[in-house]
Amino acid sequence: MTIAAGIVTFNPDVTKLQENLDAIVDQVDIVRVVDNNSSNIDEIRRLTDRYRTVVVMECSENRGIQRP
């Protein structure tokens, strides 16, 4: 069984994002970061590239958190 975590971002404070990733990455098999077209996506990519089990999905627009 694979256990995953998800984090939705929009222009996050990269230091806080790193703290969040550090807190969760060893507790799950994969972390998916869904980014809502952040202006600091390059910083997010540089940060998440440090983690073997973190995957970033980039949205082309800010879609917010959608209800089904």
N, C-alpha and C. Protein backbone atom coordinates (compact mmCIF):
# COMPACT_ATOMS: atom_id res chain seq x y z
N MET A 1 0.85 -1.18 0.00
CA MET A 1 0.00 0.00 0.00
C MET A 1 0.89 1.24 0.00
N THR A 2 0.56 2.19 -0.85
CA THR A 2 1.29 3.45 -0.93
C THR A 2 0.51 4.52 -0.18
N ILE A 3 1.24 5.27 0.65
CA ILE A 3 0.62 6.37 1.40
C ILE A 3 1.16 7.67 0.83
N ALA A 4 0.24 8.58 0.50
CA ALA A 4 0.62 9.84 -0.12
C ALA A 4 0.10 11.02 0.69
N ALA A 5 0.73 12.17 0.49
CA ALA A 5 0.27 13.42 1.08
C ALA A 5 0.20 14.45 -0.03
N GLY A 6 -0.68 15.42 0.13
CA GLY A 6 -0.82 16.48 -0.87
C GLY A 6 -0.73 17.84 -0.23
N ILE A 7 -0.07 18.75 -0.92
CA ILE A 7 0.03 20.14 -0.48
C ILE A 7 -0.35 21.01 -1.67
N VAL A 8 -1.30 21.91 -1.48
CA VAL A 8 -1.70 22.85 -2.52
C VAL A 8 -1.02 24.18 -2.21
N THR A 9 -0.37 24.77 -3.24
CA THR A 9 0.36 26.01 -3.02
C THR A 9 -0.09 27.10 -3.99
N PHE A 10 0.06 28.34 -3.54
CA PHE A 10 -0.08 29.52 -4.38
C PHE A 10 0.81 30.59 -3.78
N ASN A 11 1.91 30.90 -4.46
CA ASN A 11 2.90 31.87 -3.98
C ASN A 11 3.30 31.61 -2.52
N PRO A 12 3.72 30.39 -2.22
CA PRO A 12 4.04 30.08 -0.82
C PRO A 12 5.33 30.72 -0.36
N ASP A 13 5.42 30.89 0.95
CA ASP A 13 6.69 31.23 1.59
C ASP A 13 7.53 29.95 1.50
N VAL A 14 8.61 29.99 0.75
CA VAL A 14 9.39 28.79 0.46
C VAL A 14 10.02 28.21 1.72
N THR A 15 10.36 29.05 2.67
CA THR A 15 10.91 28.55 3.94
C THR A 15 9.86 27.73 4.68
N LYS A 16 8.64 28.22 4.72
CA LYS A 16 7.54 27.48 5.37
C LYS A 16 7.24 26.19 4.61
N LEU A 17 7.27 26.26 3.28
CA LEU A 17 7.04 25.06 2.49
C LEU A 17 8.10 24.01 2.80
N GLN A 18 9.34 24.44 2.92
CA GLN A 18 10.41 23.49 3.27
C GLN A 18 10.16 22.89 4.65
N GLU A 19 9.74 23.69 5.60
CA GLU A 19 9.42 23.17 6.94
C GLU A 19 8.31 22.13 6.85
N ASN A 20 7.29 22.41 6.05
CA ASN A 20 6.18 21.47 5.89
C ASN A 20 6.65 20.18 5.23
N LEU A 21 7.46 20.30 4.18
CA LEU A 21 7.97 19.10 3.52
C LEU A 21 8.86 18.28 4.45
N ASP A 22 9.73 18.95 5.19
CA ASP A 22 10.59 18.25 6.14
C ASP A 22 9.77 17.49 7.18
N ALA A 23 8.65 18.06 7.56
CA ALA A 23 7.80 17.44 8.59
C ALA A 23 7.06 16.22 8.07
N ILE A 24 6.76 16.16 6.79
CA ILE A 24 5.89 15.10 6.27
C ILE A 24 6.62 14.05 5.43
N VAL A 25 7.72 14.42 4.78
CA VAL A 25 8.33 13.57 3.76
C VAL A 25 8.73 12.18 4.27
N ASP A 26 9.15 12.07 5.51
CA ASP A 26 9.55 10.76 6.04
C ASP A 26 8.37 9.93 6.55
N GLN A 27 7.17 10.52 6.54
CA GLN A 27 5.99 9.82 7.05
C GLN A 27 5.15 9.17 5.95
N VAL A 28 5.44 9.51 4.69
CA VAL A 28 4.64 9.00 3.58
C VAL A 28 5.56 8.52 2.46
N ASP A 29 4.98 7.82 1.49
CA ASP A 29 5.76 7.32 0.37
C ASP A 29 5.99 8.37 -0.71
N ILE A 30 5.02 9.27 -0.88
CA ILE A 30 5.12 10.31 -1.90
C ILE A 30 4.37 11.55 -1.43
N VAL A 31 4.91 12.71 -1.79
CA VAL A 31 4.24 13.98 -1.52
C VAL A 31 4.00 14.64 -2.86
N ARG A 32 2.75 15.00 -3.11
CA ARG A 32 2.41 15.69 -4.34
C ARG A 32 2.12 17.14 -3.99
N VAL A 33 2.86 18.05 -4.60
CA VAL A 33 2.63 19.48 -4.44
C VAL A 33 1.89 19.95 -5.69
N VAL A 34 0.68 20.47 -5.51
CA VAL A 34 -0.11 20.99 -6.62
C VAL A 34 -0.03 22.51 -6.54
N ASP A 35 0.64 23.09 -7.52
CA ASP A 35 0.86 24.54 -7.50
C ASP A 35 -0.13 25.25 -8.42
N ASN A 36 -0.75 26.28 -7.89
CA ASN A 36 -1.76 27.07 -8.60
C ASN A 36 -1.15 28.30 -9.26
N ASN A 37 -0.19 28.05 -10.17
CA ASN A 37 0.39 29.12 -10.98
C ASN A 37 1.10 30.19 -10.15
N SER A 38 1.94 29.75 -9.23
CA SER A 38 2.70 30.67 -8.37
C SER A 38 3.72 31.47 -9.16
N SER A 39 3.94 32.70 -8.75
CA SER A 39 4.96 33.52 -9.40
C SER A 39 6.37 33.09 -8.99
N ASN A 40 6.49 32.34 -7.89
CA ASN A 40 7.80 31.87 -7.43
C ASN A 40 8.00 30.36 -7.70
N ILE A 41 7.47 29.89 -8.84
CA ILE A 41 7.55 28.47 -9.17
C ILE A 41 8.99 28.00 -9.31
N ASP A 42 9.89 28.86 -9.77
CA ASP A 42 11.30 28.45 -9.88
C ASP A 42 11.88 28.11 -8.51
N GLU A 43 11.55 28.90 -7.50
CA GLU A 43 12.00 28.61 -6.13
C GLU A 43 11.39 27.29 -5.63
N ILE A 44 10.12 27.08 -5.94
CA ILE A 44 9.43 25.85 -5.53
C ILE A 44 10.11 24.65 -6.17
N ARG A 45 10.41 24.75 -7.46
CA ARG A 45 11.08 23.64 -8.17
C ARG A 45 12.45 23.35 -7.57
N ARG A 46 13.23 24.42 -7.31
CA ARG A 46 14.57 24.22 -6.72
C ARG A 46 14.46 23.52 -5.37
N LEU A 47 13.49 23.92 -4.57
CA LEU A 47 13.30 23.30 -3.27
C LEU A 47 12.88 21.84 -3.41
N THR A 48 11.86 21.58 -4.18
CA THR A 48 11.32 20.22 -4.26
C THR A 48 12.27 19.26 -4.96
N ASP A 49 13.17 19.76 -5.78
CA ASP A 49 14.17 18.90 -6.42
C ASP A 49 15.10 18.25 -5.40
N ARG A 50 15.18 18.80 -4.21
CA ARG A 50 16.02 18.24 -3.14
C ARG A 50 15.45 16.95 -2.56
N TYR A 51 14.16 16.72 -2.79
CA TYR A 51 13.46 15.58 -2.18
C TYR A 51 13.19 14.52 -3.24
N ARG A 52 13.58 13.31 -2.95
CA ARG A 52 13.41 12.19 -3.88
C ARG A 52 11.94 11.84 -4.10
N THR A 53 11.10 12.02 -3.09
CA THR A 53 9.71 11.55 -3.15
C THR A 53 8.68 12.67 -3.30
N VAL A 54 9.13 13.85 -3.69
CA VAL A 54 8.20 14.97 -3.88
C VAL A 54 8.02 15.23 -5.38
N VAL A 55 6.76 15.31 -5.79
CA VAL A 55 6.40 15.55 -7.18
C VAL A 55 5.58 16.84 -7.24
N VAL A 56 5.91 17.71 -8.18
CA VAL A 56 5.18 18.97 -8.35
C VAL A 56 4.30 18.88 -9.59
N MET A 57 3.04 19.22 -9.43
CA MET A 57 2.11 19.36 -10.55
C MET A 57 1.83 20.86 -10.68
N GLU A 58 2.09 21.41 -11.85
CA GLU A 58 1.92 22.84 -12.06
C GLU A 58 0.63 23.11 -12.84
N CYS A 59 -0.25 23.92 -12.27
CA CYS A 59 -1.46 24.35 -12.97
C CYS A 59 -1.13 25.61 -13.77
N SER A 60 -1.75 25.78 -14.91
CA SER A 60 -1.48 26.94 -15.75
C SER A 60 -2.26 28.18 -15.31
N GLU A 61 -3.14 28.00 -14.33
CA GLU A 61 -3.89 29.12 -13.76
C GLU A 61 -4.21 28.79 -12.31
N ASN A 62 -4.55 29.82 -11.54
CA ASN A 62 -4.92 29.60 -10.15
C ASN A 62 -6.33 29.06 -10.11
N ARG A 63 -6.43 27.78 -9.83
CA ARG A 63 -7.74 27.12 -9.79
C ARG A 63 -8.29 27.03 -8.38
N GLY A 64 -7.49 27.43 -7.40
CA GLY A 64 -7.94 27.35 -6.02
C GLY A 64 -8.17 25.91 -5.60
N ILE A 65 -8.88 25.72 -4.53
CA ILE A 65 -9.26 24.39 -4.08
C ILE A 65 -10.70 24.17 -4.54
N GLN A 66 -10.88 23.22 -5.41
CA GLN A 66 -12.19 22.99 -6.04
C GLN A 66 -12.96 21.91 -5.30
N ARG A 67 -14.22 22.11 -5.18
CA ARG A 67 -15.11 21.07 -4.64
C ARG A 67 -15.59 20.20 -5.78
N PRO A 68 -15.77 18.91 -5.51
CA PRO A 68 -16.25 18.02 -6.58
C PRO A 68 -17.67 18.36 -6.99
